[in-house]
Amino acid sequence: MKKQGNATGVIMSVNATTNGNELTVNIEGRFDFSAHQEFRDSYEKADSSINRYVIDMKNASYLDSSALGMLLLLRDHAGGDNADVHITNCNQDVRKILTISNFEQLFKID
């Protein structure tokens, strides 16, 4: 797990694990542009047999518009309209941002 401080000094990390053909990406802290490369690497470097993606937001405290863009890039990578991408364990603030952005129409949000 890689941890780094972002521009506000808040620690964030992205940790990916695979289980068969499922990739789970755990987000910790503020999900913003400082996580861009690490988030992208987590799915682009994964095995080509991956066909289900789970973004676990249990430890995410915040996400901004760049994080929304990163989620859209993941969706495109995973197959666009045919993608199987789940966003799970959102706190109330993160869920509100996803709802306002109409991400419930693009992702499965648990």
Protein backbone atom coordinates (compact mmCIF):
# COMPACT_ATOMS: atom_id res chain seq x y z
CA MET A 1 0.00 0.00 0.00
CA LYS A 2 1.41 3.35 -1.00
CA LYS A 3 0.62 6.37 1.12
CA GLN A 4 1.35 9.90 0.14
CA GLY A 5 0.39 13.36 1.27
CA ASN A 6 -1.62 15.51 -1.09
CA ALA A 7 -1.49 19.30 -1.43
CA THR A 8 -3.37 19.71 1.85
CA GLY A 9 -1.07 17.30 3.67
CA VAL A 10 -3.79 14.69 4.14
CA ILE A 11 -2.59 11.12 3.77
CA MET A 12 -4.23 9.15 0.97
CA SER A 13 -3.59 5.75 -0.53
CA VAL A 14 -4.80 3.43 -3.25
CA ASN A 15 -4.47 -0.32 -2.67
CA ALA A 16 -5.56 -2.89 -5.26
CA THR A 17 -6.14 -6.61 -4.78
CA THR A 18 -7.39 -9.29 -7.14
CA ASN A 19 -9.59 -12.28 -6.47
CA GLY A 20 -10.06 -14.37 -9.60
CA ASN A 21 -11.41 -12.04 -12.26
CA GLU A 22 -12.33 -9.27 -9.79
CA LEU A 23 -10.16 -6.28 -8.96
CA THR A 24 -10.87 -4.39 -5.73
CA VAL A 25 -9.38 -0.92 -5.37
CA ASN A 26 -9.44 0.46 -1.83
CA ILE A 27 -9.33 4.24 -1.50
CA GLU A 28 -8.16 5.80 1.75
CA GLY A 29 -8.32 9.49 2.60
CA ARG A 30 -9.05 12.22 0.06
CA PHE A 31 -9.68 10.87 -3.43
CA ASP A 32 -8.42 13.72 -5.61
CA PHE A 33 -5.95 14.45 -8.39
CA SER A 34 -2.98 13.42 -6.25
CA ALA A 35 -4.23 9.82 -6.61
CA HIS A 36 -4.50 10.00 -10.41
CA GLN A 37 -1.44 7.96 -11.44
CA GLU A 38 -1.70 5.44 -8.63
CA PHE A 39 -5.41 4.86 -9.30
CA ARG A 40 -4.85 4.47 -13.04
CA ASP A 41 -1.96 2.06 -12.50
CA SER A 42 -4.13 -0.06 -10.19
CA TYR A 43 -6.39 -1.13 -13.05
CA GLU A 44 -4.21 -0.67 -16.13
CA LYS A 45 -1.52 -2.99 -14.72
CA ALA A 46 -4.04 -5.61 -13.61
CA ASP A 47 -4.39 -8.95 -15.38
CA SER A 48 -6.33 -8.80 -18.65
CA SER A 49 -8.77 -11.43 -17.33
CA ILE A 50 -10.27 -8.89 -14.90
CA ASN A 51 -13.89 -8.20 -15.80
CA ARG A 52 -15.36 -6.95 -12.52
CA TYR A 53 -14.14 -3.87 -10.67
CA VAL A 54 -14.98 -2.87 -7.11
CA ILE A 55 -14.03 0.56 -5.80
CA ASP A 56 -14.16 0.36 -2.00
CA MET A 57 -14.69 3.82 -0.52
CA LYS A 58 -14.94 2.64 3.09
CA ASN A 59 -11.95 4.74 4.12
CA ALA A 60 -12.41 7.59 1.63
CA SER A 61 -13.18 10.87 3.32
CA TYR A 62 -13.78 13.00 0.23
CA LEU A 63 -13.74 13.00 -3.55
CA ASP A 64 -13.53 15.88 -5.99
CA SER A 65 -14.26 16.38 -9.68
CA SER A 66 -10.93 14.87 -10.72
CA ALA A 67 -11.88 11.68 -8.82
CA LEU A 68 -15.17 11.60 -10.73
CA GLY A 69 -13.16 11.85 -13.94
CA MET A 70 -10.89 9.01 -12.81
CA LEU A 71 -13.93 6.82 -12.15
CA LEU A 72 -15.21 7.58 -15.66
CA LEU A 73 -11.83 6.61 -17.14
CA LEU A 74 -11.98 3.33 -15.23
CA ARG A 75 -15.48 2.73 -16.59
CA ASP A 76 -14.22 3.29 -20.15
CA HIS A 77 -11.28 0.94 -19.54
CA ALA A 78 -13.67 -1.69 -18.16
CA GLY A 79 -15.92 -1.65 -21.21
CA GLY A 80 -18.03 1.51 -21.09
CA ASP A 81 -21.75 0.76 -21.05
CA ASN A 82 -20.98 -2.95 -20.61
CA ALA A 83 -18.64 -2.37 -17.65
CA ASP A 84 -19.16 -4.16 -14.35
CA VAL A 85 -17.99 -1.50 -11.90
CA HIS A 86 -19.29 -1.28 -8.33
CA ILE A 87 -18.63 1.59 -5.93
CA THR A 88 -19.10 0.34 -2.40
CA ASN A 89 -19.05 1.49 1.24
CA CYS A 90 -19.54 5.20 0.55
CA ASN A 91 -19.94 7.55 3.48
CA GLN A 92 -22.76 10.09 3.38
CA ASP A 93 -20.64 12.89 1.84
CA VAL A 94 -19.16 10.69 -0.88
CA ARG A 95 -22.57 9.20 -1.69
CA LYS A 96 -24.06 12.69 -1.98
CA ILE A 97 -21.39 13.76 -4.49
CA LEU A 98 -21.96 10.60 -6.57
CA THR A 99 -25.74 11.13 -6.49
CA ILE A 100 -25.56 14.80 -7.48
CA SER A 101 -23.28 13.79 -10.36
CA ASN A 102 -25.80 11.14 -11.54
CA PHE A 103 -23.19 8.41 -11.20
CA GLU A 104 -25.94 6.00 -10.10
CA GLN A 105 -26.87 5.77 -13.79
CA LEU A 106 -23.31 4.76 -14.76
CA PHE A 107 -22.14 2.61 -11.83
CA LYS A 108 -23.59 0.17 -9.36
CA ILE A 109 -23.37 1.99 -6.03
CA ASP A 110 -23.87 -0.05 -2.86
